[in-house]
Amino acid sequence: MVRRGRFFFALFSLCRFSVSLGLLERPLVIGLFWGLLFGNLTSCLYIAIFYELLWLDFLPVGTFIPPHMTAAAFTGLALATYFGLDSPPLVFGAVVCGLPMAWLGARLDRNLRDSLNRSYSSVLHWLRRPVDPGVPGRLILRTLLGKLVVSWVFFVLGAGVLAVLLRFALNQYAGFLEGLELTWNQFLIAASIGGLLSLRLRSLYLSVGVSAVALGFFRLAGIF
């Protein structure tokens, strides 16, 4: 028994420093496995890197709930795969459609956390009068199953609505998007703003804002 305990302690202690289960929900990991499963690995990795860099400034510290990168990454990848998008301008359309899911997913997480207060109250009541020993297990199972169902419905409905909007945009503006002649390098430079903002320097924020306005003006003026 002691030997088995040592084995499982050594196994699960790897999750402390060597293996982080939180990495499984990162866009880079999602993009890698999505590309290996559905093909077009290059586009999938670029989409994943875009989302990874964009929200590099947001950290889940304290009670702050960061944007739901997992929902955004899955939506962007699903839309790009469903419509067969592989060129940077068209992929950018799928990526933009995935952005609202990050905000909506964070709102969903907050609502789910608020709903857990009822379970917490039930646990406190059970601790005062622990009559039924199966109460904690049922509460945990109900919470996990509820979150699974709610998350599945949220993704299906959200991705479905965004797919309809993206189909309309592609039918109307696919030629315009292709004419932008975006490259993967420009694609990632736009996302790297999130990494720059993570430095927390006001002068850098001002420089980024001025540069973005200047580049937009030059682009509209046809200088480049």
C-alpha atoms as a PDB file:
ATOM      1  CA  MET A   1       0.000   0.000   0.000  1.00  0.00           C
ATOM      2  CA  VAL A   2       2.827   2.354   0.887  1.00  0.00           C
ATOM      3  CA  ARG A   3       4.593   1.596  -2.385  1.00  0.00           C
ATOM      4  CA  ARG A   4       1.451   2.363  -4.341  1.00  0.00           C
ATOM      5  CA  GLY A   5       1.064   5.593  -2.422  1.00  0.00           C
ATOM      6  CA  ARG A   6       4.618   6.592  -3.289  1.00  0.00           C
ATOM      7  CA  PHE A   7       4.007   5.834  -6.958  1.00  0.00           C
ATOM      8  CA  PHE A   8       0.859   7.949  -7.183  1.00  0.00           C
ATOM      9  CA  PHE A   9       2.463  10.739  -5.201  1.00  0.00           C
ATOM     10  CA  ALA A  10       5.403  10.801  -7.612  1.00  0.00           C
ATOM     11  CA  LEU A  11       3.035  10.652 -10.582  1.00  0.00           C
ATOM     12  CA  PHE A  12       0.737  13.478  -9.536  1.00  0.00           C
ATOM     13  CA  SER A  13       3.570  15.611  -8.153  1.00  0.00           C
ATOM     14  CA  LEU A  14       4.660  16.051 -11.769  1.00  0.00           C
ATOM     15  CA  CYS A  15       1.602  18.251 -12.239  1.00  0.00           C
ATOM     16  CA  ARG A  16       3.103  20.747  -9.793  1.00  0.00           C
ATOM     17  CA  PHE A  17       6.096  21.778 -11.888  1.00  0.00           C
ATOM     18  CA  SER A  18       6.739  19.389 -14.783  1.00  0.00           C
ATOM     19  CA  VAL A  19       3.278  18.977 -16.317  1.00  0.00           C
ATOM     20  CA  SER A  20       0.652  21.704 -16.051  1.00  0.00           C
ATOM     21  CA  LEU A  21      -2.888  20.587 -16.796  1.00  0.00           C
ATOM     22  CA  GLY A  22      -3.733  24.228 -17.470  1.00  0.00           C
ATOM     23  CA  LEU A  23      -1.690  23.998 -20.669  1.00  0.00           C
ATOM     24  CA  LEU A  24      -4.390  21.818 -22.215  1.00  0.00           C
ATOM     25  CA  GLU A  25      -6.719  24.802 -22.568  1.00  0.00           C
ATOM     26  CA  ARG A  26      -4.130  27.083 -24.155  1.00  0.00           C
ATOM     27  CA  PRO A  27      -4.754  28.086 -27.799  1.00  0.00           C
ATOM     28  CA  LEU A  28      -1.351  26.742 -28.852  1.00  0.00           C
ATOM     29  CA  VAL A  29      -2.166  23.239 -27.623  1.00  0.00           C
ATOM     30  CA  ILE A  30      -5.678  23.397 -29.086  1.00  0.00           C
ATOM     31  CA  GLY A  31      -4.358  24.590 -32.443  1.00  0.00           C
ATOM     32  CA  LEU A  32      -1.701  21.875 -32.557  1.00  0.00           C
ATOM     33  CA  PHE A  33      -4.106  19.013 -31.922  1.00  0.00           C
ATOM     34  CA  TRP A  34      -6.762  20.537 -34.180  1.00  0.00           C
ATOM     35  CA  GLY A  35      -4.287  20.784 -37.046  1.00  0.00           C
ATOM     36  CA  LEU A  36      -3.059  17.225 -36.519  1.00  0.00           C
ATOM     37  CA  LEU A  37      -6.636  15.941 -36.457  1.00  0.00           C
ATOM     38  CA  PHE A  38      -8.256  17.937 -39.260  1.00  0.00           C
ATOM     39  CA  GLY A  39      -5.251  18.914 -41.383  1.00  0.00           C
ATOM     40  CA  ASN A  40      -4.021  22.338 -42.555  1.00  0.00           C
ATOM     41  CA  LEU A  41      -1.604  22.496 -39.636  1.00  0.00           C
ATOM     42  CA  THR A  42      -0.018  25.775 -40.759  1.00  0.00           C
ATOM     43  CA  SER A  43      -3.224  27.820 -40.660  1.00  0.00           C
ATOM     44  CA  CYS A  44      -4.288  26.214 -37.372  1.00  0.00           C
ATOM     45  CA  LEU A  45      -1.014  27.125 -35.695  1.00  0.00           C
ATOM     46  CA  TYR A  46      -1.164  30.700 -36.955  1.00  0.00           C
ATOM     47  CA  ILE A  47      -4.694  31.027 -35.589  1.00  0.00           C
ATOM     48  CA  ALA A  48      -3.569  29.597 -32.253  1.00  0.00           C
ATOM     49  CA  ILE A  49      -0.544  31.896 -32.048  1.00  0.00           C
ATOM     50  CA  PHE A  50      -2.747  34.902 -32.826  1.00  0.00           C
ATOM     51  CA  TYR A  51      -5.075  34.175 -29.912  1.00  0.00           C
ATOM     52  CA  GLU A  52      -2.156  33.310 -27.636  1.00  0.00           C
ATOM     53  CA  LEU A  53      -0.401  36.625 -28.275  1.00  0.00           C
ATOM     54  CA  LEU A  54      -3.522  38.767 -28.307  1.00  0.00           C
ATOM     55  CA  TRP A  55      -4.479  38.070 -24.688  1.00  0.00           C
ATOM     56  CA  LEU A  56      -0.998  37.730 -23.267  1.00  0.00           C
ATOM     57  CA  ASP A  57      -1.702  40.768 -21.084  1.00  0.00           C
ATOM     58  CA  PHE A  58      -4.669  39.165 -19.294  1.00  0.00           C
ATOM     59  CA  LEU A  59      -3.813  36.959 -16.317  1.00  0.00           C
ATOM     60  CA  PRO A  60      -6.318  35.121 -14.078  1.00  0.00           C
ATOM     61  CA  VAL A  61      -5.224  36.855 -10.876  1.00  0.00           C
ATOM     62  CA  GLY A  62      -7.579  37.127  -7.907  1.00  0.00           C
ATOM     63  CA  THR A  63     -11.237  37.362  -8.882  1.00  0.00           C
ATOM     64  CA  PHE A  64     -10.494  38.625 -12.404  1.00  0.00           C
ATOM     65  CA  ILE A  65     -11.878  36.334 -15.110  1.00  0.00           C
ATOM     66  CA  PRO A  66      -9.797  36.684 -18.305  1.00  0.00           C
ATOM     67  CA  PRO A  67     -11.239  36.293 -21.818  1.00  0.00           C
ATOM     68  CA  HIS A  68     -12.224  32.728 -22.608  1.00  0.00           C
ATOM     69  CA  MET A  69      -9.362  31.919 -24.969  1.00  0.00           C
ATOM     70  CA  THR A  70     -10.472  28.305 -25.280  1.00  0.00           C
ATOM     71  CA  ALA A  71     -13.884  29.257 -26.659  1.00  0.00           C
ATOM     72  CA  ALA A  72     -12.371  31.781 -29.058  1.00  0.00           C
ATOM     73  CA  ALA A  73      -9.702  29.360 -30.298  1.00  0.00           C
ATOM     74  CA  PHE A  74     -12.162  26.512 -30.866  1.00  0.00           C
ATOM     75  CA  THR A  75     -14.571  28.834 -32.671  1.00  0.00           C
ATOM     76  CA  GLY A  76     -11.918  30.357 -34.924  1.00  0.00           C
ATOM     77  CA  LEU A  77     -10.480  26.942 -35.774  1.00  0.00           C
ATOM     78  CA  ALA A  78     -13.902  25.402 -36.346  1.00  0.00           C
ATOM     79  CA  LEU A  79     -14.991  28.201 -38.678  1.00  0.00           C
ATOM     80  CA  ALA A  80     -11.747  28.144 -40.660  1.00  0.00           C
ATOM     81  CA  THR A  81     -11.990  24.356 -41.058  1.00  0.00           C
ATOM     82  CA  TYR A  82     -15.702  24.353 -41.886  1.00  0.00           C
ATOM     83  CA  PHE A  83     -15.365  26.956 -44.654  1.00  0.00           C
ATOM     84  CA  GLY A  84     -12.001  25.606 -45.846  1.00  0.00           C
ATOM     85  CA  LEU A  85     -10.163  28.895 -45.298  1.00  0.00           C
ATOM     86  CA  ASP A  86      -6.395  28.834 -45.747  1.00  0.00           C
ATOM     87  CA  SER A  87      -5.304  32.262 -47.043  1.00  0.00           C
ATOM     88  CA  PRO A  88      -4.440  34.870 -44.375  1.00  0.00           C
ATOM     89  CA  PRO A  89      -7.145  37.438 -45.316  1.00  0.00           C
ATOM     90  CA  LEU A  90      -9.936  34.878 -45.166  1.00  0.00           C
ATOM     91  CA  VAL A  91      -8.539  33.203 -42.050  1.00  0.00           C
ATOM     92  CA  PHE A  92      -8.496  36.626 -40.418  1.00  0.00           C
ATOM     93  CA  GLY A  93     -12.271  36.779 -40.934  1.00  0.00           C
ATOM     94  CA  ALA A  94     -12.697  33.501 -39.015  1.00  0.00           C
ATOM     95  CA  VAL A  95     -10.403  34.762 -36.264  1.00  0.00           C
ATOM     96  CA  VAL A  96     -12.394  37.980 -35.873  1.00  0.00           C
ATOM     97  CA  CYS A  97     -15.614  35.967 -35.642  1.00  0.00           C
ATOM     98  CA  GLY A  98     -14.087  33.973 -32.801  1.00  0.00           C
ATOM     99  CA  LEU A  99     -13.321  37.062 -30.705  1.00  0.00           C
ATOM    100  CA  PRO A 100     -16.880  37.581 -29.324  1.00  0.00           C
ATOM    101  CA  MET A 101     -16.792  34.057 -27.915  1.00  0.00           C
ATOM    102  CA  ALA A 102     -13.940  35.098 -25.622  1.00  0.00           C
ATOM    103  CA  TRP A 103     -16.057  37.814 -24.026  1.00  0.00           C
ATOM    104  CA  LEU A 104     -19.226  35.709 -23.945  1.00  0.00           C
ATOM    105  CA  GLY A 105     -17.302  32.789 -22.474  1.00  0.00           C
ATOM    106  CA  ALA A 106     -15.978  34.977 -19.667  1.00  0.00           C
ATOM    107  CA  ARG A 107     -19.538  36.119 -18.922  1.00  0.00           C
ATOM    108  CA  LEU A 108     -20.640  32.494 -18.862  1.00  0.00           C
ATOM    109  CA  ASP A 109     -17.858  31.603 -16.412  1.00  0.00           C
ATOM    110  CA  ARG A 110     -18.925  34.410 -14.106  1.00  0.00           C
ATOM    111  CA  ASN A 111     -22.550  33.262 -14.173  1.00  0.00           C
ATOM    112  CA  LEU A 112     -21.493  29.672 -13.500  1.00  0.00           C
ATOM    113  CA  ARG A 113     -19.410  30.790 -10.529  1.00  0.00           C
ATOM    114  CA  ASP A 114     -22.357  32.714  -9.139  1.00  0.00           C
ATOM    115  CA  SER A 115     -24.553  29.652  -9.484  1.00  0.00           C
ATOM    116  CA  LEU A 116     -22.054  27.629  -7.446  1.00  0.00           C
ATOM    117  CA  ASN A 117     -22.948  29.693  -4.394  1.00  0.00           C
ATOM    118  CA  ARG A 118     -26.058  27.526  -4.011  1.00  0.00           C
ATOM    119  CA  SER A 119     -23.908  24.403  -3.923  1.00  0.00           C
ATOM    120  CA  TYR A 120     -21.622  26.048  -1.383  1.00  0.00           C
ATOM    121  CA  SER A 121     -24.615  26.791   0.817  1.00  0.00           C
ATOM    122  CA  SER A 122     -25.702  23.169   0.500  1.00  0.00           C
ATOM    123  CA  VAL A 123     -22.253  21.980   1.588  1.00  0.00           C
ATOM    124  CA  LEU A 124     -22.332  24.252   4.631  1.00  0.00           C
ATOM    125  CA  HIS A 125     -25.762  22.924   5.550  1.00  0.00           C
ATOM    126  CA  TRP A 126     -24.509  19.350   5.158  1.00  0.00           C
ATOM    127  CA  LEU A 127     -21.479  20.043   7.369  1.00  0.00           C
ATOM    128  CA  ARG A 128     -23.770  21.149  10.181  1.00  0.00           C
ATOM    129  CA  ARG A 129     -25.880  18.020   9.815  1.00  0.00           C
ATOM    130  CA  PRO A 130     -23.936  15.327   7.898  1.00  0.00           C
ATOM    131  CA  VAL A 131     -26.799  12.854   7.682  1.00  0.00           C
ATOM    132  CA  ASP A 132     -26.336  11.643   4.097  1.00  0.00           C
ATOM    133  CA  PRO A 133     -22.659  10.894   3.248  1.00  0.00           C
ATOM    134  CA  GLY A 134     -23.396  10.995  -0.493  1.00  0.00           C
ATOM    135  CA  VAL A 135     -24.321  14.691  -0.604  1.00  0.00           C
ATOM    136  CA  PRO A 136     -20.831  16.064  -1.485  1.00  0.00           C
ATOM    137  CA  GLY A 137     -20.387  13.540  -4.288  1.00  0.00           C
ATOM    138  CA  ARG A 138     -23.769  14.323  -5.801  1.00  0.00           C
ATOM    139  CA  LEU A 139     -23.103  18.056  -5.615  1.00  0.00           C
ATOM    140  CA  ILE A 140     -19.765  17.671  -7.409  1.00  0.00           C
ATOM    141  CA  LEU A 141     -21.258  15.390 -10.066  1.00  0.00           C
ATOM    142  CA  ARG A 142     -24.199  17.730 -10.639  1.00  0.00           C
ATOM    143  CA  THR A 143     -21.882  20.714 -10.942  1.00  0.00           C
ATOM    144  CA  LEU A 144     -19.572  19.013 -13.438  1.00  0.00           C
ATOM    145  CA  LEU A 145     -22.405  17.674 -15.571  1.00  0.00           C
ATOM    146  CA  GLY A 146     -24.175  21.038 -15.501  1.00  0.00           C
ATOM    147  CA  LYS A 147     -21.056  22.869 -16.635  1.00  0.00           C
ATOM    148  CA  LEU A 148     -20.481  20.285 -19.375  1.00  0.00           C
ATOM    149  CA  VAL A 149     -23.993  20.674 -20.776  1.00  0.00           C
ATOM    150  CA  VAL A 150     -24.019  24.480 -20.510  1.00  0.00           C
ATOM    151  CA  SER A 151     -20.608  24.781 -22.176  1.00  0.00           C
ATOM    152  CA  TRP A 152     -21.647  22.456 -25.019  1.00  0.00           C
ATOM    153  CA  VAL A 153     -24.871  24.370 -25.677  1.00  0.00           C
ATOM    154  CA  PHE A 154     -23.001  27.687 -25.468  1.00  0.00           C
ATOM    155  CA  PHE A 155     -20.427  26.612 -28.050  1.00  0.00           C
ATOM    156  CA  VAL A 156     -22.959  25.082 -30.449  1.00  0.00           C
ATOM    157  CA  LEU A 157     -25.244  28.115 -30.392  1.00  0.00           C
ATOM    158  CA  GLY A 158     -22.446  30.695 -30.460  1.00  0.00           C
ATOM    159  CA  ALA A 159     -20.440  29.011 -33.202  1.00  0.00           C
ATOM    160  CA  GLY A 160     -23.619  28.400 -35.221  1.00  0.00           C
ATOM    161  CA  VAL A 161     -24.643  32.052 -35.166  1.00  0.00           C
ATOM    162  CA  LEU A 162     -21.113  33.182 -36.017  1.00  0.00           C
ATOM    163  CA  ALA A 163     -20.972  30.658 -38.885  1.00  0.00           C
ATOM    164  CA  VAL A 164     -24.069  32.235 -40.414  1.00  0.00           C
ATOM    165  CA  LEU A 165     -22.568  35.708 -40.073  1.00  0.00           C
ATOM    166  CA  LEU A 166     -19.250  34.596 -41.534  1.00  0.00           C
ATOM    167  CA  ARG A 167     -20.967  32.924 -44.475  1.00  0.00           C
ATOM    168  CA  PHE A 168     -22.768  36.179 -45.240  1.00  0.00           C
ATOM    169  CA  ALA A 169     -19.514  38.160 -44.927  1.00  0.00           C
ATOM    170  CA  LEU A 170     -17.655  35.761 -47.215  1.00  0.00           C
ATOM    171  CA  ASN A 171     -20.406  35.881 -49.823  1.00  0.00           C
ATOM    172  CA  GLN A 172     -20.403  39.671 -49.814  1.00  0.00           C
ATOM    173  CA  TYR A 173     -16.798  40.648 -49.092  1.00  0.00           C
ATOM    174  CA  ALA A 174     -14.559  37.685 -49.951  1.00  0.00           C
ATOM    175  CA  GLY A 175     -13.106  39.561 -52.925  1.00  0.00           C
ATOM    176  CA  PHE A 176     -12.436  42.628 -50.817  1.00  0.00           C
ATOM    177  CA  LEU A 177     -10.685  40.558 -48.137  1.00  0.00           C
ATOM    178  CA  GLU A 178      -8.521  38.809 -50.714  1.00  0.00           C
ATOM    179  CA  GLY A 179      -7.568  42.217 -52.122  1.00  0.00           C
ATOM    180  CA  LEU A 180      -6.077  43.272 -48.790  1.00  0.00           C
ATOM    181  CA  GLU A 181      -3.104  40.967 -49.487  1.00  0.00           C
ATOM    182  CA  LEU A 182      -2.448  40.264 -45.831  1.00  0.00           C
ATOM    183  CA  THR A 183       0.433  37.957 -44.968  1.00  0.00           C
ATOM    184  CA  TRP A 184       0.981  35.707 -41.981  1.00  0.00           C
ATOM    185  CA  ASN A 185       3.684  38.087 -40.723  1.00  0.00           C
ATOM    186  CA  GLN A 186       1.223  40.995 -40.626  1.00  0.00           C
ATOM    187  CA  PHE A 187      -1.261  38.643 -39.032  1.00  0.00           C
ATOM    188  CA  LEU A 188       1.086  37.947 -36.104  1.00  0.00           C
ATOM    189  CA  ILE A 189       2.382  41.516 -35.812  1.00  0.00           C
ATOM    190  CA  ALA A 190      -1.178  42.666 -35.145  1.00  0.00           C
ATOM    191  CA  ALA A 191      -1.550  40.019 -32.424  1.00  0.00           C
ATOM    192  CA  SER A 192       1.811  40.875 -30.825  1.00  0.00           C
ATOM    193  CA  ILE A 193       0.271  44.091 -29.511  1.00  0.00           C
ATOM    194  CA  GLY A 194      -0.995  41.960 -26.630  1.00  0.00           C
ATOM    195  CA  GLY A 195       2.569  41.008 -25.761  1.00  0.00           C
ATOM    196  CA  LEU A 196       3.689  44.628 -25.870  1.00  0.00           C
ATOM    197  CA  LEU A 197       0.841  45.742 -23.625  1.00  0.00           C
ATOM    198  CA  SER A 198       1.835  43.107 -21.061  1.00  0.00           C
ATOM    199  CA  LEU A 199       4.949  45.180 -20.315  1.00  0.00           C
ATOM    200  CA  ARG A 200       2.704  47.656 -18.433  1.00  0.00           C
ATOM    201  CA  LEU A 201       4.450  50.826 -19.647  1.00  0.00           C
ATOM    202  CA  ARG A 202       2.343  53.939 -20.263  1.00  0.00           C
ATOM    203  CA  SER A 203       4.808  55.344 -22.767  1.00  0.00           C
ATOM    204  CA  LEU A 204       4.580  52.078 -24.690  1.00  0.00           C
ATOM    205  CA  TYR A 205       0.783  52.266 -24.710  1.00  0.00           C
ATOM    206  CA  LEU A 206       0.996  55.772 -26.180  1.00  0.00           C
ATOM    207  CA  SER A 207       3.527  54.712 -28.788  1.00  0.00           C
ATOM    208  CA  VAL A 208       1.419  51.737 -29.856  1.00  0.00           C
ATOM    209  CA  GLY A 209      -1.686  53.893 -30.171  1.00  0.00           C
ATOM    210  CA  VAL A 210       0.057  56.589 -32.216  1.00  0.00           C
ATOM    211  CA  SER A 211       1.730  53.993 -34.435  1.00  0.00           C
ATOM    212  CA  ALA A 212      -1.578  52.210 -35.086  1.00  0.00           C
ATOM    213  CA  VAL A 213      -3.261  55.487 -36.100  1.00  0.00           C
ATOM    214  CA  ALA A 214      -0.325  56.446 -38.321  1.00  0.00           C
ATOM    215  CA  LEU A 215      -0.231  53.048 -40.037  1.00  0.00           C
ATOM    216  CA  GLY A 216      -3.977  53.191 -40.633  1.00  0.00           C
ATOM    217  CA  PHE A 217      -3.632  56.652 -42.182  1.00  0.00           C
ATOM    218  CA  PHE A 218      -0.756  55.549 -44.426  1.00  0.00           C
ATOM    219  CA  ARG A 219      -2.734  52.492 -45.503  1.00  0.00           C
ATOM    220  CA  LEU A 220      -5.772  54.564 -46.422  1.00  0.00           C
ATOM    221  CA  ALA A 221      -3.591  57.064 -48.262  1.00  0.00           C
ATOM    222  CA  GLY A 222      -2.141  54.248 -50.357  1.00  0.00           C
ATOM    223  CA  ILE A 223       1.445  54.893 -49.260  1.00  0.00           C
ATOM    224  CA  PHE A 224       1.995  51.152 -48.691  1.00  0.00           C
END
